[in-house]
């Protein structure tokens, strides 16, 4: 297989999967709860599509790793787990 094969070529703009949080969110009762975001973004960390908001750290982390693997993108992991 050639290194210039399509799956190894990076001729487009920079993209990465970003995993960040926790951020403040509200539950249906109005209580403050932590939320983590996962999205594909550009070099300035601006989302290029859907931003997924999750309220469980492990679920968000698994989604981030899976998205990076599926899309063959770098993962920018800047999230911290909740204080237990």
C-alpha atoms as a PDB file:
ATOM      1  CA  UNK A   1       0.000   0.000   0.000  1.00  0.00           C
ATOM      2  CA  UNK A   2       1.324   3.424  -0.933  1.00  0.00           C
ATOM      3  CA  UNK A   3       1.659   6.184   1.663  1.00  0.00           C
ATOM      4  CA  UNK A   4       0.013   8.484  -0.846  1.00  0.00           C
ATOM      5  CA  UNK A   5      -3.154   6.394  -0.705  1.00  0.00           C
ATOM      6  CA  UNK A   6      -6.312   8.438  -0.189  1.00  0.00           C
ATOM      7  CA  UNK A   7      -6.753   7.351   3.443  1.00  0.00           C
ATOM      8  CA  UNK A   8      -3.278   8.719   4.315  1.00  0.00           C
ATOM      9  CA  UNK A   9      -3.537  11.985   2.401  1.00  0.00           C
ATOM     10  CA  UNK A  10      -4.169  15.160   4.379  1.00  0.00           C
ATOM     11  CA  UNK A  11      -4.865  17.698   1.682  1.00  0.00           C
ATOM     12  CA  UNK A  12      -7.879  19.366   3.277  1.00  0.00           C
ATOM     13  CA  UNK A  13      -8.254  21.770   6.169  1.00  0.00           C
ATOM     14  CA  UNK A  14      -7.273  20.696   9.689  1.00  0.00           C
ATOM     15  CA  UNK A  15      -9.994  18.802  11.549  1.00  0.00           C
ATOM     16  CA  UNK A  16      -9.940  17.090  14.950  1.00  0.00           C
ATOM     17  CA  UNK A  17     -12.392  15.689  17.471  1.00  0.00           C
ATOM     18  CA  UNK A  18     -12.628  17.960  20.505  1.00  0.00           C
ATOM     19  CA  UNK A  19     -13.690  16.731  23.954  1.00  0.00           C
ATOM     20  CA  UNK A  20     -14.184  19.499  26.509  1.00  0.00           C
ATOM     21  CA  UNK A  21     -15.890  20.143  29.816  1.00  0.00           C
ATOM     22  CA  UNK A  22     -17.389  20.100  32.252  1.00  0.00           C
ATOM     23  CA  UNK A  23     -19.557  23.063  31.443  1.00  0.00           C
ATOM     24  CA  UNK A  24     -22.563  24.228  33.392  1.00  0.00           C
ATOM     25  CA  UNK A  25     -25.967  22.977  32.245  1.00  0.00           C
ATOM     26  CA  UNK A  26     -29.412  22.655  33.840  1.00  0.00           C
ATOM     27  CA  UNK A  27     -31.591  19.602  34.405  1.00  0.00           C
ATOM     28  CA  UNK A  28     -35.396  19.733  33.881  1.00  0.00           C
ATOM     29  CA  UNK A  29     -35.844  20.905  37.499  1.00  0.00           C
ATOM     30  CA  UNK A  30     -33.470  23.822  36.956  1.00  0.00           C
ATOM     31  CA  UNK A  31     -30.643  22.325  39.022  1.00  0.00           C
ATOM     32  CA  UNK A  32     -27.103  22.945  37.828  1.00  0.00           C
ATOM     33  CA  UNK A  33     -25.425  19.828  36.414  1.00  0.00           C
ATOM     34  CA  UNK A  34     -22.124  19.226  34.570  1.00  0.00           C
ATOM     35  CA  UNK A  35     -22.066  18.657  30.816  1.00  0.00           C
ATOM     36  CA  UNK A  36     -19.315  17.638  28.401  1.00  0.00           C
ATOM     37  CA  UNK A  37     -19.189  18.446  24.699  1.00  0.00           C
ATOM     38  CA  UNK A  38     -17.807  16.389  21.820  1.00  0.00           C
ATOM     39  CA  UNK A  39     -17.544  17.688  18.270  1.00  0.00           C
ATOM     40  CA  UNK A  40     -15.447  17.816  15.128  1.00  0.00           C
ATOM     41  CA  UNK A  41     -13.773  21.198  14.884  1.00  0.00           C
ATOM     42  CA  UNK A  42     -11.284  23.194  12.868  1.00  0.00           C
ATOM     43  CA  UNK A  43      -7.843  24.502  13.822  1.00  0.00           C
ATOM     44  CA  UNK A  44      -9.475  27.231  15.947  1.00  0.00           C
ATOM     45  CA  UNK A  45     -11.597  24.622  17.796  1.00  0.00           C
ATOM     46  CA  UNK A  46     -14.730  25.957  16.100  1.00  0.00           C
ATOM     47  CA  UNK A  47     -17.352  23.241  15.490  1.00  0.00           C
ATOM     48  CA  UNK A  48     -17.795  22.197  11.868  1.00  0.00           C
ATOM     49  CA  UNK A  49     -20.989  20.219  12.466  1.00  0.00           C
ATOM     50  CA  UNK A  50     -23.069  18.755  15.256  1.00  0.00           C
ATOM     51  CA  UNK A  51     -22.010  19.459  18.854  1.00  0.00           C
ATOM     52  CA  UNK A  52     -22.927  16.576  21.159  1.00  0.00           C
ATOM     53  CA  UNK A  53     -23.675  17.494  24.790  1.00  0.00           C
ATOM     54  CA  UNK A  54     -23.552  14.644  27.293  1.00  0.00           C
ATOM     55  CA  UNK A  55     -24.140  14.607  31.042  1.00  0.00           C
ATOM     56  CA  UNK A  56     -22.002  11.567  31.858  1.00  0.00           C
ATOM     57  CA  UNK A  57     -18.224  11.877  31.559  1.00  0.00           C
ATOM     58  CA  UNK A  58     -17.572   8.248  30.567  1.00  0.00           C
ATOM     59  CA  UNK A  59     -20.255   8.325  27.860  1.00  0.00           C
ATOM     60  CA  UNK A  60     -18.793  11.535  26.440  1.00  0.00           C
ATOM     61  CA  UNK A  61     -15.259  10.135  26.576  1.00  0.00           C
ATOM     62  CA  UNK A  62     -16.268   6.936  24.774  1.00  0.00           C
ATOM     63  CA  UNK A  63     -18.076   8.968  22.094  1.00  0.00           C
ATOM     64  CA  UNK A  64     -14.995  11.166  21.593  1.00  0.00           C
ATOM     65  CA  UNK A  65     -12.659   8.188  21.191  1.00  0.00           C
ATOM     66  CA  UNK A  66     -15.085   6.451  18.821  1.00  0.00           C
ATOM     67  CA  UNK A  67     -15.574   9.564  16.667  1.00  0.00           C
ATOM     68  CA  UNK A  68     -11.800  10.103  16.414  1.00  0.00           C
ATOM     69  CA  UNK A  69     -11.239   6.470  15.475  1.00  0.00           C
ATOM     70  CA  UNK A  70     -14.092   6.317  12.937  1.00  0.00           C
ATOM     71  CA  UNK A  71     -13.068   9.564  11.256  1.00  0.00           C
ATOM     72  CA  UNK A  72      -9.297   8.950  11.584  1.00  0.00           C
ATOM     73  CA  UNK A  73      -8.861  12.305  13.283  1.00  0.00           C
ATOM     74  CA  UNK A  74      -6.754  13.463  16.207  1.00  0.00           C
ATOM     75  CA  UNK A  75      -8.522  13.703  19.557  1.00  0.00           C
ATOM     76  CA  UNK A  76      -8.044  16.935  21.492  1.00  0.00           C
ATOM     77  CA  UNK A  77      -8.958  15.758  25.017  1.00  0.00           C
ATOM     78  CA  UNK A  78      -9.313  18.770  27.302  1.00  0.00           C
ATOM     79  CA  UNK A  79     -12.115  17.423  29.494  1.00  0.00           C
ATOM     80  CA  UNK A  80     -11.826  16.632  33.166  1.00  0.00           C
ATOM     81  CA  UNK A  81     -13.898  14.052  35.042  1.00  0.00           C
ATOM     82  CA  UNK A  82     -16.411  15.208  37.634  1.00  0.00           C
ATOM     83  CA  UNK A  83     -15.394  15.659  41.253  1.00  0.00           C
ATOM     84  CA  UNK A  84     -16.626  12.636  43.145  1.00  0.00           C
END
